[in-house]
Every structure is written in structure tokens, then in C-alpha cells.
Amino acid sequence: MKKNKNLTSFDEHLDEQYGKRGTAKRTEFEIKAKAFLIGEVIKDERRLANLTQEQLADKIGAKKSFISRIENGKSDIQLSTLYRLLEFGLGRKIELLVH
């Protein structure tokens, strides 16, 4: 089977666009990507709990705009806030796994 020379792996694409792992540009990209991922998790869990952004915000004593910024990956989130959102606001448990 012939390999198409125009195809690259996702890792190769990231290396080309943002540099190798450990470079400043790549680290910045990965931080933003993880913030986006956390926002998506919160959004999914909020929807599973049948809550609006405003209802979740009220449960944790925040503003709807704050929940929106987190769900859109536009705001850094402290661990204490993540805990409040998921455990108190949504009744979920957080497990931290470090590789």
C-alpha cells in the first residue's frame, strides 16, 4: 500500500503549527486547549443536570457571564472554582490524575 506523502499525523501538524512540545508557543496552545476541554466538560455536565448557565451560577454564587466564559474556554479557572462548579453546583466528583 502506498503512503500519501501529503498526509501528516495530528502530532506532526501540531509540531508544524505550534512547535515541538516544550516550546513556549506549543505550551501556550496546549494550555488554551485544556481550558477549552474543561469548559466543554462543565457545559456537558450542566446540560446533563438540566441546568441553565444562570441556574448553575446562582447555585455557586457567581454570574452567568462567568459560567459562559468558562464554558467557552475564555477564562482561567482556579481549582477551588472547578471544585465548586462540579461538586457543589453539579453534584459530580473530581478525580485528579497526573501522568
N, C-alpha and C. Protein backbone atom coordinates (compact mmCIF):
# COMPACT_ATOMS: atom_id res chain seq x y z
N MET A 1 0.84 -1.18 0.00
CA MET A 1 0.00 0.00 0.00
C MET A 1 0.89 1.24 0.00
N LYS A 2 0.59 2.19 -0.89
CA LYS A 2 1.37 3.41 -0.97
C LYS A 2 0.95 4.38 0.13
N LYS A 3 1.92 5.08 0.65
CA LYS A 3 1.64 6.11 1.66
C LYS A 3 1.62 7.46 0.95
N ASN A 4 0.57 8.23 1.20
CA ASN A 4 0.44 9.55 0.61
C ASN A 4 1.40 10.50 1.32
N LYS A 5 2.32 11.08 0.58
CA LYS A 5 3.33 11.96 1.18
C LYS A 5 2.73 13.28 1.66
N ASN A 6 1.51 13.61 1.24
CA ASN A 6 0.87 14.85 1.65
C ASN A 6 0.16 14.73 3.00
N LEU A 7 -0.03 13.52 3.49
CA LEU A 7 -0.71 13.31 4.75
C LEU A 7 0.27 13.41 5.92
N THR A 8 -0.17 14.02 6.99
CA THR A 8 0.64 14.09 8.21
C THR A 8 -0.22 13.65 9.38
N SER A 9 0.44 13.23 10.43
CA SER A 9 -0.30 12.87 11.64
C SER A 9 -0.71 14.15 12.37
N PHE A 10 -1.62 14.04 13.31
CA PHE A 10 -2.05 15.20 14.08
C PHE A 10 -0.87 15.78 14.87
N ASP A 11 -0.05 14.91 15.45
CA ASP A 11 1.14 15.38 16.19
C ASP A 11 2.09 16.16 15.27
N GLU A 12 2.28 15.65 14.05
CA GLU A 12 3.14 16.37 13.10
C GLU A 12 2.54 17.73 12.75
N HIS A 13 1.24 17.76 12.60
CA HIS A 13 0.55 19.03 12.31
C HIS A 13 0.77 20.03 13.46
N LEU A 14 0.60 19.56 14.69
CA LEU A 14 0.81 20.45 15.84
C LEU A 14 2.25 20.93 15.91
N ASP A 15 3.19 20.02 15.66
CA ASP A 15 4.61 20.41 15.65
C ASP A 15 4.86 21.51 14.62
N GLU A 16 4.25 21.38 13.44
CA GLU A 16 4.45 22.36 12.38
C GLU A 16 3.79 23.70 12.72
N GLN A 17 2.58 23.65 13.27
CA GLN A 17 1.84 24.88 13.55
C GLN A 17 2.30 25.60 14.82
N TYR A 18 2.65 24.82 15.87
CA TYR A 18 2.91 25.42 17.18
C TYR A 18 4.30 25.11 17.73
N GLY A 19 5.07 24.34 17.03
CA GLY A 19 6.40 23.98 17.50
C GLY A 19 6.37 22.67 18.28
N LYS A 20 7.55 22.19 18.59
CA LYS A 20 7.67 20.94 19.36
C LYS A 20 7.18 21.14 20.79
N ARG A 21 6.81 20.03 21.42
CA ARG A 21 6.41 20.09 22.83
C ARG A 21 7.53 20.71 23.66
N GLY A 22 7.14 21.58 24.59
CA GLY A 22 8.11 22.23 25.44
C GLY A 22 8.47 23.63 24.99
N THR A 23 8.14 23.97 23.73
CA THR A 23 8.40 25.34 23.29
C THR A 23 7.29 26.24 23.83
N ALA A 24 7.58 27.52 23.93
CA ALA A 24 6.62 28.47 24.51
C ALA A 24 5.30 28.49 23.72
N LYS A 25 5.40 28.52 22.40
CA LYS A 25 4.20 28.59 21.56
C LYS A 25 3.35 27.34 21.71
N ARG A 26 3.98 26.18 21.76
CA ARG A 26 3.24 24.92 21.91
C ARG A 26 2.61 24.83 23.29
N THR A 27 3.34 25.25 24.32
CA THR A 27 2.79 25.21 25.69
C THR A 27 1.58 26.12 25.79
N GLU A 28 1.65 27.30 25.21
CA GLU A 28 0.52 28.22 25.23
C GLU A 28 -0.69 27.61 24.53
N PHE A 29 -0.47 26.97 23.39
CA PHE A 29 -1.55 26.29 22.68
C PHE A 29 -2.17 25.19 23.54
N GLU A 30 -1.34 24.38 24.18
CA GLU A 30 -1.85 23.26 24.98
C GLU A 30 -2.63 23.75 26.19
N ILE A 31 -2.20 24.85 26.80
CA ILE A 31 -2.93 25.42 27.94
C ILE A 31 -4.32 25.88 27.48
N LYS A 32 -4.38 26.56 26.35
CA LYS A 32 -5.67 27.01 25.83
C LYS A 32 -6.56 25.84 25.45
N ALA A 33 -5.97 24.80 24.90
CA ALA A 33 -6.74 23.62 24.51
C ALA A 33 -7.33 22.93 25.75
N LYS A 34 -6.56 22.88 26.82
CA LYS A 34 -7.06 22.24 28.05
C LYS A 34 -8.14 23.10 28.71
N ALA A 35 -8.01 24.43 28.64
CA ALA A 35 -9.05 25.31 29.16
C ALA A 35 -10.35 25.10 28.38
N PHE A 36 -10.24 24.94 27.07
CA PHE A 36 -11.40 24.66 26.24
C PHE A 36 -12.03 23.33 26.65
N LEU A 37 -11.21 22.31 26.85
CA LEU A 37 -11.69 20.99 27.24
C LEU A 37 -12.43 21.04 28.58
N ILE A 38 -11.88 21.74 29.56
CA ILE A 38 -12.54 21.87 30.86
C ILE A 38 -13.89 22.55 30.68
N GLY A 39 -13.94 23.58 29.85
CA GLY A 39 -15.20 24.26 29.58
C GLY A 39 -16.23 23.34 28.96
N GLU A 40 -15.80 22.48 28.05
CA GLU A 40 -16.70 21.53 27.42
C GLU A 40 -17.24 20.51 28.43
N VAL A 41 -16.38 20.06 29.34
CA VAL A 41 -16.81 19.12 30.39
C VAL A 41 -17.88 19.77 31.26
N ILE A 42 -17.62 21.01 31.67
CA ILE A 42 -18.59 21.72 32.52
C ILE A 42 -19.90 21.92 31.77
N LYS A 43 -19.82 22.31 30.51
CA LYS A 43 -21.03 22.51 29.71
C LYS A 43 -21.83 21.21 29.60
N ASP A 44 -21.15 20.11 29.29
CA ASP A 44 -21.83 18.81 29.17
C ASP A 44 -22.49 18.41 30.48
N GLU A 45 -21.77 18.56 31.59
CA GLU A 45 -22.32 18.17 32.89
C GLU A 45 -23.49 19.08 33.28
N ARG A 46 -23.40 20.36 32.95
CA ARG A 46 -24.50 21.28 33.25
C ARG A 46 -25.74 20.88 32.47
N ARG A 47 -25.56 20.55 31.22
CA ARG A 47 -26.70 20.13 30.39
C ARG A 47 -27.29 18.82 30.88
N LEU A 48 -26.44 17.88 31.30
CA LEU A 48 -26.94 16.62 31.85
C LEU A 48 -27.75 16.85 33.12
N ALA A 49 -27.39 17.89 33.88
CA ALA A 49 -28.11 18.23 35.10
C ALA A 49 -29.35 19.09 34.81
N ASN A 50 -29.61 19.35 33.53
CA ASN A 50 -30.74 20.17 33.11
C ASN A 50 -30.75 21.54 33.77
N LEU A 51 -29.57 22.15 33.81
CA LEU A 51 -29.44 23.49 34.38
C LEU A 51 -29.05 24.48 33.29
N THR A 52 -29.54 25.70 33.41
CA THR A 52 -29.06 26.77 32.54
C THR A 52 -27.78 27.32 33.15
N GLN A 53 -27.07 28.13 32.38
CA GLN A 53 -25.88 28.79 32.92
C GLN A 53 -26.27 29.65 34.12
N GLU A 54 -27.40 30.32 34.03
CA GLU A 54 -27.84 31.19 35.12
C GLU A 54 -28.16 30.38 36.38
N GLN A 55 -28.81 29.24 36.23
CA GLN A 55 -29.12 28.40 37.39
C GLN A 55 -27.86 27.88 38.05
N LEU A 56 -26.89 27.45 37.25
CA LEU A 56 -25.63 26.97 37.81
C LEU A 56 -24.90 28.11 38.51
N ALA A 57 -24.88 29.27 37.90
CA ALA A 57 -24.24 30.44 38.51
C ALA A 57 -24.88 30.76 39.86
N ASP A 58 -26.19 30.73 39.92
CA ASP A 58 -26.90 31.00 41.19
C ASP A 58 -26.52 29.99 42.26
N LYS A 59 -26.37 28.72 41.88
CA LYS A 59 -26.03 27.68 42.84
C LYS A 59 -24.67 27.89 43.49
N ILE A 60 -23.74 28.48 42.73
CA ILE A 60 -22.39 28.64 43.28
C ILE A 60 -22.06 30.09 43.62
N GLY A 61 -23.03 30.98 43.49
CA GLY A 61 -22.80 32.38 43.84
C GLY A 61 -21.94 33.12 42.84
N ALA A 62 -22.17 32.86 41.57
CA ALA A 62 -21.40 33.53 40.50
C ALA A 62 -22.38 34.18 39.53
N LYS A 63 -21.82 34.83 38.51
CA LYS A 63 -22.64 35.45 37.48
C LYS A 63 -22.71 34.52 36.26
N LYS A 64 -23.81 34.63 35.52
CA LYS A 64 -23.99 33.83 34.31
C LYS A 64 -22.84 34.07 33.33
N SER A 65 -22.38 35.31 33.22
CA SER A 65 -21.30 35.62 32.29
C SER A 65 -20.01 34.87 32.64
N PHE A 66 -19.79 34.63 33.94
CA PHE A 66 -18.61 33.88 34.38
C PHE A 66 -18.71 32.43 33.90
N ILE A 67 -19.89 31.82 34.05
CA ILE A 67 -20.10 30.45 33.59
C ILE A 67 -19.90 30.39 32.08
N SER A 68 -20.42 31.37 31.36
CA SER A 68 -20.28 31.42 29.91
C SER A 68 -18.81 31.50 29.50
N ARG A 69 -18.04 32.35 30.15
CA ARG A 69 -16.62 32.49 29.81
C ARG A 69 -15.87 31.19 30.07
N ILE A 70 -16.19 30.50 31.16
CA ILE A 70 -15.53 29.22 31.46
C ILE A 70 -15.91 28.19 30.40
N GLU A 71 -17.19 28.09 30.09
CA GLU A 71 -17.64 27.10 29.10
C GLU A 71 -17.06 27.36 27.71
N ASN A 72 -16.73 28.58 27.42
CA ASN A 72 -16.15 28.92 26.12
C ASN A 72 -14.63 28.96 26.14
N GLY A 73 -14.02 28.55 27.27
CA GLY A 73 -12.57 28.49 27.37
C GLY A 73 -11.92 29.86 27.38
N LYS A 74 -12.67 30.88 27.77
CA LYS A 74 -12.17 32.26 27.73
C LYS A 74 -11.72 32.76 29.09
N SER A 75 -11.76 31.91 30.11
CA SER A 75 -11.39 32.35 31.45
C SER A 75 -10.58 31.26 32.14
N ASP A 76 -9.50 31.67 32.79
CA ASP A 76 -8.77 30.72 33.62
C ASP A 76 -9.64 30.38 34.82
N ILE A 77 -9.53 29.17 35.28
CA ILE A 77 -10.36 28.73 36.39
C ILE A 77 -9.47 28.18 37.48
N GLN A 78 -9.70 28.64 38.70
CA GLN A 78 -8.95 28.12 39.84
C GLN A 78 -9.50 26.76 40.22
N LEU A 79 -8.67 25.95 40.84
CA LEU A 79 -9.12 24.62 41.25
C LEU A 79 -10.29 24.70 42.21
N SER A 80 -10.27 25.67 43.11
CA SER A 80 -11.38 25.81 44.05
C SER A 80 -12.69 26.12 43.32
N THR A 81 -12.62 26.90 42.25
CA THR A 81 -13.81 27.20 41.46
C THR A 81 -14.27 25.97 40.70
N LEU A 82 -13.33 25.23 40.14
CA LEU A 82 -13.67 23.99 39.44
C LEU A 82 -14.37 23.03 40.40
N TYR A 83 -13.85 22.92 41.61
CA TYR A 83 -14.46 22.07 42.63
C TYR A 83 -15.88 22.54 42.92
N ARG A 84 -16.05 23.86 43.15
CA ARG A 84 -17.38 24.40 43.45
C ARG A 84 -18.36 24.14 42.31
N LEU A 85 -17.91 24.34 41.08
CA LEU A 85 -18.78 24.13 39.93
C LEU A 85 -19.23 22.67 39.80
N LEU A 86 -18.26 21.78 39.79
CA LEU A 86 -18.59 20.38 39.53
C LEU A 86 -19.16 19.65 40.75
N GLU A 87 -18.57 19.84 41.90
CA GLU A 87 -19.02 19.07 43.05
C GLU A 87 -20.23 19.69 43.73
N PHE A 88 -20.21 20.97 43.99
CA PHE A 88 -21.33 21.62 44.66
C PHE A 88 -22.44 21.97 43.67
N GLY A 89 -22.05 22.58 42.55
CA GLY A 89 -23.04 23.02 41.59
C GLY A 89 -23.70 21.91 40.81
N LEU A 90 -22.94 20.87 40.46
CA LEU A 90 -23.45 19.81 39.58
C LEU A 90 -23.51 18.43 40.24
N GLY A 91 -23.06 18.32 41.48
CA GLY A 91 -23.14 17.04 42.18
C GLY A 91 -22.22 15.97 41.63
N ARG A 92 -21.13 16.36 40.99
CA ARG A 92 -20.18 15.41 40.44
C ARG A 92 -18.95 15.35 41.33
N LYS A 93 -18.11 14.35 41.16
CA LYS A 93 -16.87 14.21 41.91
C LYS A 93 -15.69 14.43 40.99
N ILE A 94 -14.66 15.09 41.50
CA ILE A 94 -13.44 15.34 40.74
C ILE A 94 -12.37 14.37 41.18
N GLU A 95 -11.69 13.76 40.20
CA GLU A 95 -10.52 12.96 40.46
C GLU A 95 -9.38 13.56 39.65
N LEU A 96 -8.27 13.78 40.29
CA LEU A 96 -7.11 14.37 39.61
C LEU A 96 -6.13 13.26 39.26
N LEU A 97 -5.76 13.21 38.00
CA LEU A 97 -4.83 12.19 37.51
C LEU A 97 -3.66 12.90 36.85
N VAL A 98 -2.45 12.60 37.31
CA VAL A 98 -1.25 13.21 36.75
C VAL A 98 -0.46 12.12 36.04
N HIS A 99 -0.07 12.39 34.80
CA HIS A 99 0.74 11.42 34.02
C HIS A 99 2.18 11.84 34.02
